[in-house]
């Protein structure tokens, strides 16, 4: 279970580094569906900085908090954490950064 926590944490961290300005038009959902004109209206560089910081924090906190839960509580608490924490974190990230993509007429 610890290896799974660490592996998923590494996955979250690597996602933060894999998405760049060059490949965002292919990888970012919503952004890749916009027209070229709408993509130019989006402040992509600041968004990607937030995206990277979020995924770094998510990856490290996921691993450390998950391992702490395994050692200090029951394993069931760690399992619930592994499911709920990323979902809640992504809901927070999407809602706080939704205004970035409101420039498009499709949204």
PDB file of N, CA and C in Angstrom:
ATOM      1  N   UNK A   1       0.829  -1.190   0.000  1.00  0.00           N
ATOM      2  CA  UNK A   1       0.000   0.000   0.000  1.00  0.00           C
ATOM      3  C   UNK A   1       0.876   1.258   0.000  1.00  0.00           C
ATOM      4  N   UNK A   2       1.993   1.199   0.693  1.00  0.00           N
ATOM      5  CA  UNK A   2       2.896   2.355   0.735  1.00  0.00           C
ATOM      6  C   UNK A   2       3.477   2.619  -0.650  1.00  0.00           C
ATOM      7  N   UNK A   3       3.819   1.540  -1.356  1.00  0.00           N
ATOM      8  CA  UNK A   3       4.363   1.725  -2.699  1.00  0.00           C
ATOM      9  C   UNK A   3       3.319   2.334  -3.637  1.00  0.00           C
ATOM     10  N   UNK A   4       2.081   1.962  -3.450  1.00  0.00           N
ATOM     11  CA  UNK A   4       0.997   2.533  -4.246  1.00  0.00           C
ATOM     12  C   UNK A   4       0.845   4.023  -3.960  1.00  0.00           C
ATOM     13  N   UNK A   5       0.898   4.415  -2.706  1.00  0.00           N
ATOM     14  CA  UNK A   5       0.821   5.835  -2.340  1.00  0.00           C
ATOM     15  C   UNK A   5       1.965   6.632  -2.952  1.00  0.00           C
ATOM     16  N   UNK A   6       3.150   6.102  -2.860  1.00  0.00           N
ATOM     17  CA  UNK A   6       4.314   6.790  -3.414  1.00  0.00           C
ATOM     18  C   UNK A   6       4.223   6.853  -4.932  1.00  0.00           C
ATOM     19  N   UNK A   7       3.789   5.767  -5.565  1.00  0.00           N
ATOM     20  CA  UNK A   7       3.655   5.740  -7.018  1.00  0.00           C
ATOM     21  C   UNK A   7       2.634   6.737  -7.532  1.00  0.00           C
ATOM     22  N   UNK A   8       1.495   6.814  -6.872  1.00  0.00           N
ATOM     23  CA  UNK A   8       0.475   7.777  -7.287  1.00  0.00           C
ATOM     24  C   UNK A   8       0.960   9.197  -7.029  1.00  0.00           C
ATOM     25  N   UNK A   9       1.669   9.401  -5.922  1.00  0.00           N
ATOM     26  CA  UNK A   9       2.247  10.723  -5.655  1.00  0.00           C
ATOM     27  C   UNK A   9       3.226  11.142  -6.739  1.00  0.00           C
ATOM     28  N   UNK A  10       4.056  10.210  -7.185  1.00  0.00           N
ATOM     29  CA  UNK A  10       5.001  10.496  -8.269  1.00  0.00           C
ATOM     30  C   UNK A  10       4.249  10.789  -9.564  1.00  0.00           C
ATOM     31  N   UNK A  11       3.150  10.086  -9.787  1.00  0.00           N
ATOM     32  CA  UNK A  11       2.332  10.339 -10.974  1.00  0.00           C
ATOM     33  C   UNK A  11       1.783  11.763 -10.969  1.00  0.00           C
ATOM     34  N   UNK A  12       1.257  12.208  -9.823  1.00  0.00           N
ATOM     35  CA  UNK A  12       0.734  13.574  -9.723  1.00  0.00           C
ATOM     36  C   UNK A  12       1.834  14.604  -9.972  1.00  0.00           C
ATOM     37  N   UNK A  13       2.992  14.388  -9.389  1.00  0.00           N
ATOM     38  CA  UNK A  13       4.113  15.321  -9.578  1.00  0.00           C
ATOM     39  C   UNK A  13       4.534  15.342 -11.043  1.00  0.00           C
ATOM     40  N   UNK A  14       4.601  14.185 -11.673  1.00  0.00           N
ATOM     41  CA  UNK A  14       5.033  14.138 -13.070  1.00  0.00           C
ATOM     42  C   UNK A  14       4.019  14.802 -13.998  1.00  0.00           C
ATOM     43  N   UNK A  15       2.731  14.742 -13.674  1.00  0.00           N
ATOM     44  CA  UNK A  15       1.725  15.431 -14.480  1.00  0.00           C
ATOM     45  C   UNK A  15       2.005  16.935 -14.479  1.00  0.00           C
ATOM     46  N   UNK A  16       2.418  17.457 -13.340  1.00  0.00           N
ATOM     47  CA  UNK A  16       2.737  18.878 -13.257  1.00  0.00           C
ATOM     48  C   UNK A  16       3.867  19.294 -14.170  1.00  0.00           C
ATOM     49  N   UNK A  17       4.789  18.378 -14.441  1.00  0.00           N
ATOM     50  CA  UNK A  17       5.920  18.710 -15.305  1.00  0.00           C
ATOM     51  C   UNK A  17       5.697  18.320 -16.766  1.00  0.00           C
ATOM     52  N   UNK A  18       4.760  17.428 -17.022  1.00  0.00           N
ATOM     53  CA  UNK A  18       4.535  16.978 -18.391  1.00  0.00           C
ATOM     54  C   UNK A  18       3.759  17.984 -19.237  1.00  0.00           C
ATOM     55  N   UNK A  19       2.855  18.727 -18.632  1.00  0.00           N
ATOM     56  CA  UNK A  19       2.050  19.691 -19.388  1.00  0.00           C
ATOM     57  C   UNK A  19       2.809  21.010 -19.467  1.00  0.00           C
ATOM     58  N   UNK A  20       3.122  21.410 -20.687  1.00  0.00           N
ATOM     59  CA  UNK A  20       3.859  22.651 -20.925  1.00  0.00           C
ATOM     60  C   UNK A  20       3.075  23.517 -21.917  1.00  0.00           C
ATOM     61  N   UNK A  21       3.591  24.693 -22.203  1.00  0.00           N
ATOM     62  CA  UNK A  21       2.932  25.577 -23.171  1.00  0.00           C
ATOM     63  C   UNK A  21       2.908  24.959 -24.571  1.00  0.00           C
ATOM     64  N   UNK A  22       3.914  24.180 -24.876  1.00  0.00           N
ATOM     65  CA  UNK A  22       4.000  23.583 -26.217  1.00  0.00           C
ATOM     66  C   UNK A  22       2.966  22.488 -26.444  1.00  0.00           C
ATOM     67  N   UNK A  23       2.665  21.702 -25.406  1.00  0.00           N
ATOM     68  CA  UNK A  23       1.737  20.595 -25.598  1.00  0.00           C
ATOM     69  C   UNK A  23       0.386  20.803 -24.913  1.00  0.00           C
ATOM     70  N   UNK A  24       0.146  21.965 -24.362  1.00  0.00           N
ATOM     71  CA  UNK A  24      -1.125  22.231 -23.665  1.00  0.00           C
ATOM     72  C   UNK A  24      -2.302  22.159 -24.619  1.00  0.00           C
ATOM     73  N   UNK A  25      -2.093  22.539 -25.855  1.00  0.00           N
ATOM     74  CA  UNK A  25      -3.212  22.503 -26.808  1.00  0.00           C
ATOM     75  C   UNK A  25      -3.654  21.078 -27.113  1.00  0.00           C
ATOM     76  N   UNK A  26      -2.828  20.099 -26.768  1.00  0.00           N
ATOM     77  CA  UNK A  26      -3.199  18.702 -26.951  1.00  0.00           C
ATOM     78  C   UNK A  26      -3.671  18.049 -25.657  1.00  0.00           C
ATOM     79  N   UNK A  27      -3.139  18.477 -24.525  1.00  0.00           N
ATOM     80  CA  UNK A  27      -3.357  17.763 -23.272  1.00  0.00           C
ATOM     81  C   UNK A  27      -4.397  18.372 -22.344  1.00  0.00           C
ATOM     82  N   UNK A  28      -4.601  19.674 -22.389  1.00  0.00           N
ATOM     83  CA  UNK A  28      -5.535  20.306 -21.467  1.00  0.00           C
ATOM     84  C   UNK A  28      -6.962  20.213 -21.988  1.00  0.00           C
ATOM     85  N   UNK A  29      -7.776  19.501 -21.240  1.00  0.00           N
ATOM     86  CA  UNK A  29      -9.171  19.367 -21.630  1.00  0.00           C
ATOM     87  C   UNK A  29      -9.861  20.727 -21.550  1.00  0.00           C
ATOM     88  N   UNK A  30     -10.665  21.032 -22.526  1.00  0.00           N
ATOM     89  CA  UNK A  30     -11.325  22.333 -22.582  1.00  0.00           C
ATOM     90  C   UNK A  30     -10.512  23.298 -23.422  1.00  0.00           C
ATOM     91  N   UNK A  31      -9.243  23.393 -23.127  1.00  0.00           N
ATOM     92  CA  UNK A  31      -8.362  24.279 -23.905  1.00  0.00           C
ATOM     93  C   UNK A  31      -8.178  23.729 -25.306  1.00  0.00           C
ATOM     94  N   UNK A  32      -8.079  22.404 -25.422  1.00  0.00           N
ATOM     95  CA  UNK A  32      -7.861  21.815 -26.739  1.00  0.00           C
ATOM     96  C   UNK A  32      -9.106  21.863 -27.617  1.00  0.00           C
ATOM     97  N   UNK A  33     -10.272  22.150 -27.043  1.00  0.00           N
ATOM     98  CA  UNK A  33     -11.508  22.242 -27.814  1.00  0.00           C
ATOM     99  C   UNK A  33     -11.804  23.676 -28.266  1.00  0.00           C
ATOM    100  N   UNK A  34     -11.025  24.627 -27.790  1.00  0.00           N
ATOM    101  CA  UNK A  34     -11.242  26.032 -28.147  1.00  0.00           C
ATOM    102  C   UNK A  34     -10.695  26.327 -29.535  1.00  0.00           C
ATOM    103  N   UNK A  35     -11.245  27.353 -30.138  1.00  0.00           N
ATOM    104  CA  UNK A  35     -10.692  27.820 -31.412  1.00  0.00           C
ATOM    105  C   UNK A  35      -9.353  28.513 -31.140  1.00  0.00           C
ATOM    106  N   UNK A  36      -8.607  28.731 -32.196  1.00  0.00           N
ATOM    107  CA  UNK A  36      -7.294  29.392 -32.043  1.00  0.00           C
ATOM    108  C   UNK A  36      -7.448  30.787 -31.455  1.00  0.00           C
ATOM    109  N   UNK A  37      -8.503  31.487 -31.828  1.00  0.00           N
ATOM    110  CA  UNK A  37      -8.731  32.838 -31.315  1.00  0.00           C
ATOM    111  C   UNK A  37      -9.009  32.812 -29.810  1.00  0.00           C
ATOM    112  N   UNK A  38      -9.827  31.848 -29.386  1.00  0.00           N
ATOM    113  CA  UNK A  38     -10.138  31.736 -27.960  1.00  0.00           C
ATOM    114  C   UNK A  38      -8.924  31.287 -27.157  1.00  0.00           C
ATOM    115  N   UNK A  39      -8.087  30.421 -27.754  1.00  0.00           N
ATOM    116  CA  UNK A  39      -6.877  29.981 -27.059  1.00  0.00           C
ATOM    117  C   UNK A  39      -5.926  31.149 -26.820  1.00  0.00           C
ATOM    118  N   UNK A  40      -5.908  32.101 -27.736  1.00  0.00           N
ATOM    119  CA  UNK A  40      -5.035  33.266 -27.572  1.00  0.00           C
ATOM    120  C   UNK A  40      -5.515  34.172 -26.443  1.00  0.00           C
ATOM    121  N   UNK A  41      -6.800  34.120 -26.113  1.00  0.00           N
ATOM    122  CA  UNK A  41      -7.356  34.952 -25.046  1.00  0.00           C
ATOM    123  C   UNK A  41      -7.051  34.399 -23.654  1.00  0.00           C
ATOM    124  N   UNK A  42      -6.701  33.121 -23.574  1.00  0.00           N
ATOM    125  CA  UNK A  42      -6.449  32.477 -22.277  1.00  0.00           C
ATOM    126  C   UNK A  42      -5.034  32.793 -21.821  1.00  0.00           C
ATOM    127  N   UNK A  43      -4.906  33.180 -20.557  1.00  0.00           N
ATOM    128  CA  UNK A  43      -3.585  33.426 -19.966  1.00  0.00           C
ATOM    129  C   UNK A  43      -2.984  32.074 -19.587  1.00  0.00           C
ATOM    130  N   UNK A  44      -2.367  31.429 -20.548  1.00  0.00           N
ATOM    131  CA  UNK A  44      -1.900  30.054 -20.370  1.00  0.00           C
ATOM    132  C   UNK A  44      -0.704  29.937 -19.434  1.00  0.00           C
ATOM    133  N   UNK A  45       0.231  30.846 -19.544  1.00  0.00           N
ATOM    134  CA  UNK A  45       1.450  30.759 -18.734  1.00  0.00           C
ATOM    135  C   UNK A  45       1.151  30.828 -17.229  1.00  0.00           C
ATOM    136  N   UNK A  46       0.361  31.797 -16.757  1.00  0.00           N
ATOM    137  CA  UNK A  46       0.027  31.805 -15.322  1.00  0.00           C
ATOM    138  C   UNK A  46      -0.785  30.580 -14.898  1.00  0.00           C
ATOM    139  N   UNK A  47      -1.663  30.116 -15.791  1.00  0.00           N
ATOM    140  CA  UNK A  47      -2.450  28.916 -15.465  1.00  0.00           C
ATOM    141  C   UNK A  47      -1.543  27.702 -15.301  1.00  0.00           C
ATOM    142  N   UNK A  48      -0.578  27.551 -16.202  1.00  0.00           N
ATOM    143  CA  UNK A  48       0.322  26.400 -16.108  1.00  0.00           C
ATOM    144  C   UNK A  48       1.226  26.474 -14.878  1.00  0.00           C
ATOM    145  N   UNK A  49       1.556  27.675 -14.436  1.00  0.00           N
ATOM    146  CA  UNK A  49       2.313  27.805 -13.186  1.00  0.00           C
ATOM    147  C   UNK A  49       1.475  27.321 -12.008  1.00  0.00           C
ATOM    148  N   UNK A  50       0.198  27.703 -11.970  1.00  0.00           N
ATOM    149  CA  UNK A  50      -0.695  27.223 -10.915  1.00  0.00           C
ATOM    150  C   UNK A  50      -0.893  25.714 -11.026  1.00  0.00           C
ATOM    151  N   UNK A  51      -1.011  25.234 -12.258  1.00  0.00           N
ATOM    152  CA  UNK A  51      -1.191  23.814 -12.523  1.00  0.00           C
ATOM    153  C   UNK A  51      -0.017  23.004 -11.974  1.00  0.00           C
ATOM    154  N   UNK A  52       1.190  23.489 -12.230  1.00  0.00           N
ATOM    155  CA  UNK A  52       2.387  22.786 -11.760  1.00  0.00           C
ATOM    156  C   UNK A  52       2.479  22.815 -10.229  1.00  0.00           C
ATOM    157  N   UNK A  53       2.254  23.984  -9.619  1.00  0.00           N
ATOM    158  CA  UNK A  53       2.308  24.083  -8.154  1.00  0.00           C
ATOM    159  C   UNK A  53       1.265  23.191  -7.501  1.00  0.00           C
ATOM    160  N   UNK A  54       0.073  23.178  -8.084  1.00  0.00           N
ATOM    161  CA  UNK A  54      -0.994  22.335  -7.550  1.00  0.00           C
ATOM    162  C   UNK A  54      -0.595  20.866  -7.592  1.00  0.00           C
ATOM    163  N   UNK A  55      -0.063  20.413  -8.707  1.00  0.00           N
ATOM    164  CA  UNK A  55       0.281  19.001  -8.823  1.00  0.00           C
ATOM    165  C   UNK A  55       1.488  18.627  -7.966  1.00  0.00           C
ATOM    166  N   UNK A  56       2.416  19.527  -7.795  1.00  0.00           N
ATOM    167  CA  UNK A  56       3.522  19.262  -6.875  1.00  0.00           C
ATOM    168  C   UNK A  56       3.000  19.107  -5.446  1.00  0.00           C
ATOM    169  N   UNK A  57       2.153  20.044  -5.031  1.00  0.00           N
ATOM    170  CA  UNK A  57       1.580  19.959  -3.688  1.00  0.00           C
ATOM    171  C   UNK A  57       0.734  18.704  -3.539  1.00  0.00           C
ATOM    172  N   UNK A  58      -0.087  18.416  -4.538  1.00  0.00           N
ATOM    173  CA  UNK A  58      -0.948  17.237  -4.468  1.00  0.00           C
ATOM    174  C   UNK A  58      -0.129  15.954  -4.369  1.00  0.00           C
ATOM    175  N   UNK A  59       0.897  15.834  -5.168  1.00  0.00           N
ATOM    176  CA  UNK A  59       1.720  14.624  -5.152  1.00  0.00           C
ATOM    177  C   UNK A  59       2.430  14.400  -3.834  1.00  0.00           C
ATOM    178  N   UNK A  60       3.083  15.431  -3.326  1.00  0.00           N
ATOM    179  CA  UNK A  60       3.821  15.282  -2.070  1.00  0.00           C
ATOM    180  C   UNK A  60       2.884  15.110  -0.877  1.00  0.00           C
ATOM    181  N   UNK A  61       1.825  15.897  -0.826  1.00  0.00           N
ATOM    182  CA  UNK A  61       0.903  15.778   0.306  1.00  0.00           C
ATOM    183  C   UNK A  61       0.149  14.456   0.268  1.00  0.00           C
ATOM    184  N   UNK A  62      -0.189  13.979  -0.914  1.00  0.00           N
ATOM    185  CA  UNK A  62      -0.861  12.689  -1.045  1.00  0.00           C
ATOM    186  C   UNK A  62       0.004  11.570  -0.464  1.00  0.00           C
ATOM    187  N   UNK A  63       1.271  11.563  -0.831  1.00  0.00           N
ATOM    188  CA  UNK A  63       2.176  10.509  -0.340  1.00  0.00           C
ATOM    189  C   UNK A  63       2.399  10.611   1.166  1.00  0.00           C
ATOM    190  N   UNK A  64       2.734  11.800   1.641  1.00  0.00           N
ATOM    191  CA  UNK A  64       3.056  11.950   3.059  1.00  0.00           C
ATOM    192  C   UNK A  64       1.846  11.730   3.963  1.00  0.00           C
ATOM    193  N   UNK A  65       0.722  12.317   3.610  1.00  0.00           N
ATOM    194  CA  UNK A  65      -0.477  12.136   4.443  1.00  0.00           C
ATOM    195  C   UNK A  65      -0.979  10.694   4.390  1.00  0.00           C
ATOM    196  N   UNK A  66      -0.899  10.079   3.222  1.00  0.00           N
ATOM    197  CA  UNK A  66      -1.316   8.685   3.101  1.00  0.00           C
ATOM    198  C   UNK A  66      -0.457   7.747   3.930  1.00  0.00           C
ATOM    199  N   UNK A  67       0.844   7.952   3.897  1.00  0.00           N
ATOM    200  CA  UNK A  67       1.743   7.116   4.703  1.00  0.00           C
ATOM    201  C   UNK A  67       1.501   7.352   6.189  1.00  0.00           C
ATOM    202  N   UNK A  68       1.276   8.602   6.570  1.00  0.00           N
ATOM    203  CA  UNK A  68       0.972   8.903   7.977  1.00  0.00           C
ATOM    204  C   UNK A  68      -0.315   8.214   8.412  1.00  0.00           C
ATOM    205  N   UNK A  69      -1.310   8.207   7.563  1.00  0.00           N
ATOM    206  CA  UNK A  69      -2.563   7.540   7.907  1.00  0.00           C
ATOM    207  C   UNK A  69      -2.376   6.036   8.055  1.00  0.00           C
ATOM    208  N   UNK A  70      -1.546   5.447   7.221  1.00  0.00           N
ATOM    209  CA  UNK A  70      -1.299   4.004   7.342  1.00  0.00           C
ATOM    210  C   UNK A  70      -0.650   3.685   8.677  1.00  0.00           C
ATOM    211  N   UNK A  71       0.325   4.494   9.087  1.00  0.00           N
ATOM    212  CA  UNK A  71       1.047   4.203  10.316  1.00  0.00           C
ATOM    213  C   UNK A  71       0.275   4.568  11.585  1.00  0.00           C
ATOM    214  N   UNK A  72      -0.536   5.615  11.528  1.00  0.00           N
ATOM    215  CA  UNK A  72      -1.168   6.105  12.758  1.00  0.00           C
ATOM    216  C   UNK A  72      -2.648   5.788  12.884  1.00  0.00           C
ATOM    217  N   UNK A  73      -3.283   5.314  11.821  1.00  0.00           N
ATOM    218  CA  UNK A  73      -4.693   4.946  11.899  1.00  0.00           C
ATOM    219  C   UNK A  73      -4.881   3.587  11.234  1.00  0.00           C
ATOM    220  N   UNK A  74      -6.127   3.243  11.056  1.00  0.00           N
ATOM    221  CA  UNK A  74      -6.423   1.985  10.384  1.00  0.00           C
ATOM    222  C   UNK A  74      -6.209   2.120   8.881  1.00  0.00           C
ATOM    223  N   UNK A  75      -6.042   0.996   8.234  1.00  0.00           N
ATOM    224  CA  UNK A  75      -5.789   1.012   6.804  1.00  0.00           C
ATOM    225  C   UNK A  75      -7.006   1.518   6.025  1.00  0.00           C
ATOM    226  N   UNK A  76      -8.181   1.317   6.564  1.00  0.00           N
ATOM    227  CA  UNK A  76      -9.390   1.793   5.904  1.00  0.00           C
ATOM    228  C   UNK A  76      -9.384   3.315   5.755  1.00  0.00           C
ATOM    229  N   UNK A  77      -8.876   4.012   6.742  1.00  0.00           N
ATOM    230  CA  UNK A  77      -8.788   5.473   6.658  1.00  0.00           C
ATOM    231  C   UNK A  77      -7.873   5.887   5.511  1.00  0.00           C
ATOM    232  N   UNK A  78      -6.792   5.167   5.317  1.00  0.00           N
ATOM    233  CA  UNK A  78      -5.878   5.466   4.221  1.00  0.00           C
ATOM    234  C   UNK A  78      -6.530   5.167   2.872  1.00  0.00           C
ATOM    235  N   UNK A  79      -7.325   4.131   2.804  1.00  0.00           N
ATOM    236  CA  UNK A  79      -8.012   3.805   1.556  1.00  0.00           C
ATOM    237  C   UNK A  79      -9.044   4.873   1.198  1.00  0.00           C
ATOM    238  N   UNK A  80      -9.798   5.318   2.171  1.00  0.00           N
ATOM    239  CA  UNK A  80     -10.771   6.396   1.931  1.00  0.00           C
ATOM    240  C   UNK A  80     -10.040   7.665   1.513  1.00  0.00           C
ATOM    241  N   UNK A  81      -8.932   7.947   2.160  1.00  0.00           N
ATOM    242  CA  UNK A  81      -8.124   9.114   1.822  1.00  0.00           C
ATOM    243  C   UNK A  81      -7.630   9.039   0.375  1.00  0.00           C
ATOM    244  N   UNK A  82      -7.181   7.872  -0.060  1.00  0.00           N
ATOM    245  CA  UNK A  82      -6.643   7.707  -1.410  1.00  0.00           C
ATOM    246  C   UNK A  82      -7.686   7.991  -2.487  1.00  0.00           C
ATOM    247  N   UNK A  83      -8.944   7.763  -2.161  1.00  0.00           N
ATOM    248  CA  UNK A  83     -10.008   8.028  -3.125  1.00  0.00           C
ATOM    249  C   UNK A  83     -10.500   9.470  -3.007  1.00  0.00           C
ATOM    250  N   UNK A  84     -10.758   9.907  -1.800  1.00  0.00           N
ATOM    251  CA  UNK A  84     -11.417  11.194  -1.589  1.00  0.00           C
ATOM    252  C   UNK A  84     -10.479  12.393  -1.799  1.00  0.00           C
ATOM    253  N   UNK A  85      -9.253  12.293  -1.364  1.00  0.00           N
ATOM    254  CA  UNK A  85      -8.344  13.447  -1.402  1.00  0.00           C
ATOM    255  C   UNK A  85      -8.089  13.968  -2.821  1.00  0.00           C
ATOM    256  N   UNK A  86      -7.734  13.120  -3.784  1.00  0.00           N
ATOM    257  CA  UNK A  86      -7.531  13.663  -5.138  1.00  0.00           C
ATOM    258  C   UNK A  86      -8.809  14.241  -5.753  1.00  0.00           C
ATOM    259  N   UNK A  87      -9.948  13.603  -5.496  1.00  0.00           N
ATOM    260  CA  UNK A  87     -11.208  14.117  -6.046  1.00  0.00           C
ATOM    261  C   UNK A  87     -11.503  15.500  -5.488  1.00  0.00           C
ATOM    262  N   UNK A  88     -11.392  15.644  -4.180  1.00  0.00           N
ATOM    263  CA  UNK A  88     -11.659  16.943  -3.559  1.00  0.00           C
ATOM    264  C   UNK A  88     -10.627  17.990  -3.987  1.00  0.00           C
ATOM    265  N   UNK A  89      -9.382  17.570  -4.141  1.00  0.00           N
ATOM    266  CA  UNK A  89      -8.340  18.502  -4.569  1.00  0.00           C
ATOM    267  C   UNK A  89      -8.601  19.005  -5.984  1.00  0.00           C
ATOM    268  N   UNK A  90      -8.995  18.118  -6.874  1.00  0.00           N
ATOM    269  CA  UNK A  90      -9.279  18.542  -8.245  1.00  0.00           C
ATOM    270  C   UNK A  90     -10.534  19.409  -8.319  1.00  0.00           C
ATOM    271  N   UNK A  91     -11.536  19.121  -7.512  1.00  0.00           N
ATOM    272  CA  UNK A  91     -12.718  19.984  -7.463  1.00  0.00           C
ATOM    273  C   UNK A  91     -12.315  21.387  -7.035  1.00  0.00           C
ATOM    274  N   UNK A  92     -11.469  21.479  -6.015  1.00  0.00           N
ATOM    275  CA  UNK A  92     -10.978  22.784  -5.559  1.00  0.00           C
ATOM    276  C   UNK A  92     -10.206  23.491  -6.672  1.00  0.00           C
ATOM    277  N   UNK A  93      -9.313  22.786  -7.335  1.00  0.00           N
ATOM    278  CA  UNK A  93      -8.483  23.392  -8.373  1.00  0.00           C
ATOM    279  C   UNK A  93      -9.333  23.890  -9.544  1.00  0.00           C
ATOM    280  N   UNK A  94     -10.276  23.086  -9.968  1.00  0.00           N
ATOM    281  CA  UNK A  94     -11.120  23.475 -11.101  1.00  0.00           C
ATOM    282  C   UNK A  94     -11.981  24.684 -10.755  1.00  0.00           C
ATOM    283  N   UNK A  95     -12.588  24.679  -9.573  1.00  0.00           N
ATOM    284  CA  UNK A  95     -13.463  25.797  -9.211  1.00  0.00           C
ATOM    285  C   UNK A  95     -12.688  27.092  -8.998  1.00  0.00           C
ATOM    286  N   UNK A  96     -11.484  27.014  -8.471  1.00  0.00           N
ATOM    287  CA  UNK A  96     -10.710  28.234  -8.258  1.00  0.00           C
ATOM    288  C   UNK A  96     -10.090  28.772  -9.540  1.00  0.00           C
ATOM    289  N   UNK A  97      -9.932  27.940 -10.554  1.00  0.00           N
ATOM    290  CA  UNK A  97      -9.308  28.379 -11.803  1.00  0.00           C
ATOM    291  C   UNK A  97     -10.272  28.397 -12.974  1.00  0.00           C
ATOM    292  N   UNK A  98     -11.545  28.311 -12.708  1.00  0.00           N
ATOM    293  CA  UNK A  98     -12.538  28.291 -13.772  1.00  0.00           C
ATOM    294  C   UNK A  98     -12.571  29.594 -14.552  1.00  0.00           C
ATOM    295  N   UNK A  99     -12.287  30.696 -13.901  1.00  0.00           N
ATOM    296  CA  UNK A  99     -12.341  32.000 -14.581  1.00  0.00           C
ATOM    297  C   UNK A  99     -11.289  32.113 -15.679  1.00  0.00           C
ATOM    298  N   UNK A 100     -10.268  31.309 -15.651  1.00  0.00           N
ATOM    299  CA  UNK A 100      -9.243  31.334 -16.691  1.00  0.00           C
ATOM    300  C   UNK A 100      -9.845  30.999 -18.048  1.00  0.00           C
ATOM    301  N   UNK A 101     -10.790  30.070 -18.064  1.00  0.00           N
ATOM    302  CA  UNK A 101     -11.347  29.604 -19.330  1.00  0.00           C
ATOM    303  C   UNK A 101     -12.710  30.208 -19.650  1.00  0.00           C
ATOM    304  N   UNK A 102     -13.164  31.188 -18.902  1.00  0.00           N
ATOM    305  CA  UNK A 102     -14.458  31.808 -19.164  1.00  0.00           C
ATOM    306  C   UNK A 102     -14.417  32.759 -20.353  1.00  0.00           C
ATOM    307  N   UNK A 103     -13.257  32.948 -20.943  1.00  0.00           N
ATOM    308  CA  UNK A 103     -13.159  33.845 -22.092  1.00  0.00           C
ATOM    309  C   UNK A 103     -13.769  33.229 -23.326  1.00  0.00           C
ATOM    310  N   UNK A 104     -13.902  31.928 -23.364  1.00  0.00           N
ATOM    311  CA  UNK A 104     -14.439  31.260 -24.529  1.00  0.00           C
ATOM    312  C   UNK A 104     -15.951  31.332 -24.562  1.00  0.00           C
ATOM    313  N   UNK A 105     -16.522  31.475 -25.748  1.00  0.00           N
ATOM    314  CA  UNK A 105     -17.968  31.521 -25.889  1.00  0.00           C
ATOM    315  C   UNK A 105     -18.597  30.149 -25.707  1.00  0.00           C
ATOM    316  N   UNK A 106     -17.807  29.094 -25.830  1.00  0.00           N
ATOM    317  CA  UNK A 106     -18.324  27.733 -25.697  1.00  0.00           C
ATOM    318  C   UNK A 106     -18.638  27.377 -24.257  1.00  0.00           C
ATOM    319  N   UNK A 107     -18.016  28.048 -23.293  1.00  0.00           N
ATOM    320  CA  UNK A 107     -18.261  27.729 -21.891  1.00  0.00           C
ATOM    321  C   UNK A 107     -19.382  28.506 -21.410  1.00  0.00           C
TER     322      UNK A 107
END
